[in-house]
Amino acid sequence: MTADHPDVIRADVLRSLGADRETVEELSTYCDNPFPVDALPQPPALPLPEEAHTTDWRDYLDEQGDDPFGFLQSRLVQLNIPIQEGVSKTAKRVFRRPLRMLTSFAAANRLTKVPLAAG
């Protein structure tokens, strides 16, 4: 092994920190990588291609107007689930029907939209 091999460098560092030969061997064995690094797949080429949903999000950005959260509530029904104690107990009435039918929670349950709290 050459002086720039990782195992040689590791052993030199351990010796410089006061490790004796036996400790260097023990720690070298402990630090061995049991995984075949050469068998790992190549990382993907960057930049990654756009995912299918990116176009939708760009359209949302263009269409949002002056109420981005309200706009998203009209597209993502789960943003209309009221945040209040006991709401999960009304699952059939409040959650299931609008989610399965992709209808508005407000229309299905006569609920007001969930307000976006100022941060």
Protein backbone atom coordinates (compact mmCIF):
# COMPACT_ATOMS: atom_id res chain seq x y z
CA MET A 1 0.00 0.00 0.00
CA THR A 2 1.17 3.49 -0.82
CA ALA A 3 1.43 6.34 1.69
CA ASP A 4 -1.71 7.97 0.27
CA HIS A 5 -3.89 4.85 0.69
CA PRO A 6 -6.77 5.51 3.11
CA ASP A 7 -5.78 2.59 5.39
CA VAL A 8 -2.22 3.90 5.69
CA ILE A 9 -3.46 7.42 6.40
CA ARG A 10 -5.92 6.09 9.01
CA ALA A 11 -3.17 4.06 10.72
CA ASP A 12 -0.81 7.10 10.75
CA VAL A 13 -3.51 9.26 12.32
CA LEU A 14 -4.27 6.63 14.97
CA ARG A 15 -0.55 6.26 15.81
CA SER A 16 -0.18 10.05 16.03
CA LEU A 17 -3.01 10.00 18.57
CA GLY A 18 -1.16 7.46 20.71
CA ALA A 19 -2.57 4.14 19.51
CA ASP A 20 -0.23 1.15 19.70
CA ARG A 21 0.07 -1.47 16.93
CA GLU A 22 -2.61 -3.73 18.42
CA THR A 23 -5.09 -0.86 18.81
CA VAL A 24 -4.39 0.34 15.24
CA GLU A 25 -5.13 -3.16 13.93
CA GLU A 26 -8.29 -3.46 16.02
CA LEU A 27 -9.59 -0.06 14.94
CA SER A 28 -8.66 -0.70 11.31
CA THR A 29 -10.68 -3.92 11.37
CA TYR A 30 -13.55 -2.08 13.08
CA CYS A 31 -13.49 0.67 10.43
CA ASP A 32 -13.36 -1.67 7.42
CA ASN A 33 -16.23 -1.06 5.03
CA PRO A 34 -18.02 -4.39 4.47
CA PHE A 35 -20.00 -3.01 1.54
CA PRO A 36 -18.80 -3.43 -2.05
CA VAL A 37 -18.32 0.25 -2.91
CA ASP A 38 -17.44 -0.61 -6.50
CA ALA A 39 -20.89 -2.19 -6.94
CA LEU A 40 -22.77 0.99 -6.08
CA PRO A 41 -24.72 2.54 -8.95
CA GLN A 42 -23.46 5.74 -10.50
CA PRO A 43 -25.10 8.87 -9.14
CA PRO A 44 -27.71 10.42 -11.42
CA ALA A 45 -26.74 13.11 -13.87
CA LEU A 46 -27.48 16.58 -12.57
CA PRO A 47 -29.55 18.60 -12.96
CA LEU A 48 -32.34 16.06 -12.65
CA PRO A 49 -35.16 16.23 -15.19
CA GLU A 50 -38.31 17.96 -13.99
CA GLU A 51 -40.89 15.73 -12.37
CA ALA A 52 -44.38 15.53 -13.81
CA HIS A 53 -46.00 17.67 -11.11
CA THR A 54 -43.68 20.63 -11.72
CA THR A 55 -45.83 21.91 -14.58
CA ASP A 56 -48.91 21.92 -12.31
CA TRP A 57 -47.09 23.90 -9.62
CA ARG A 58 -45.89 26.42 -12.19
CA ASP A 59 -49.48 26.78 -13.41
CA TYR A 60 -50.66 27.27 -9.81
CA LEU A 61 -48.08 30.01 -9.37
CA ASP A 62 -49.33 31.76 -12.52
CA GLU A 63 -53.02 31.41 -11.54
CA GLN A 64 -52.90 32.12 -7.80
CA GLY A 65 -53.85 35.79 -7.87
CA ASP A 66 -53.74 37.68 -4.58
CA ASP A 67 -54.83 34.72 -2.40
CA PRO A 68 -52.32 31.87 -2.89
CA PHE A 69 -53.57 29.81 0.05
CA GLY A 70 -57.20 30.16 -0.99
CA PHE A 71 -56.22 29.14 -4.51
CA LEU A 72 -54.45 26.02 -3.19
CA GLN A 73 -57.48 25.19 -1.06
CA SER A 74 -59.53 25.06 -4.24
CA ARG A 75 -57.05 22.57 -5.75
CA LEU A 76 -55.98 20.53 -2.69
CA VAL A 77 -59.06 19.56 -0.68
CA GLN A 78 -57.02 18.43 2.30
CA LEU A 79 -56.14 22.09 2.98
CA ASN A 80 -59.80 22.62 3.87
CA ILE A 81 -59.89 20.24 6.83
CA PRO A 82 -60.79 22.32 9.85
CA ILE A 83 -58.29 22.27 12.68
CA GLN A 84 -60.37 21.87 15.78
CA GLU A 85 -60.84 19.43 18.62
CA GLY A 86 -62.90 16.38 17.71
CA VAL A 87 -62.85 16.92 13.96
CA SER A 88 -61.43 13.43 13.38
CA LYS A 89 -64.51 11.93 15.07
CA THR A 90 -66.61 13.19 12.19
CA ALA A 91 -64.45 11.35 9.66
CA LYS A 92 -67.25 9.88 7.52
CA ARG A 93 -69.07 13.13 7.14
CA VAL A 94 -66.20 15.60 6.98
CA PHE A 95 -63.25 13.72 5.53
CA ARG A 96 -64.17 10.68 3.50
CA ARG A 97 -66.83 11.98 1.16
CA PRO A 98 -64.99 15.09 -0.07
CA LEU A 99 -61.66 13.26 -0.37
CA ARG A 100 -63.13 10.36 -2.31
CA MET A 101 -65.24 12.57 -4.54
CA LEU A 102 -62.61 15.34 -4.75
CA THR A 103 -65.21 17.91 -3.80
CA SER A 104 -64.88 20.91 -1.58
CA PHE A 105 -65.14 20.40 2.18
CA ALA A 106 -67.06 23.64 2.42
CA ALA A 107 -69.55 22.54 -0.23
CA ALA A 108 -69.91 19.03 1.18
CA ASN A 109 -70.21 20.09 4.82
CA ARG A 110 -71.08 23.76 4.78
CA LEU A 111 -67.79 24.55 6.49
CA THR A 112 -65.87 27.74 6.19
CA LYS A 113 -62.42 27.50 4.72
CA VAL A 114 -59.50 27.07 7.07
CA PRO A 115 -57.79 30.45 7.49
CA LEU A 116 -54.04 30.75 7.04
CA ALA A 117 -52.55 32.06 10.26
CA ALA A 118 -50.00 34.84 9.89
CA GLY A 119 -46.56 33.58 10.75
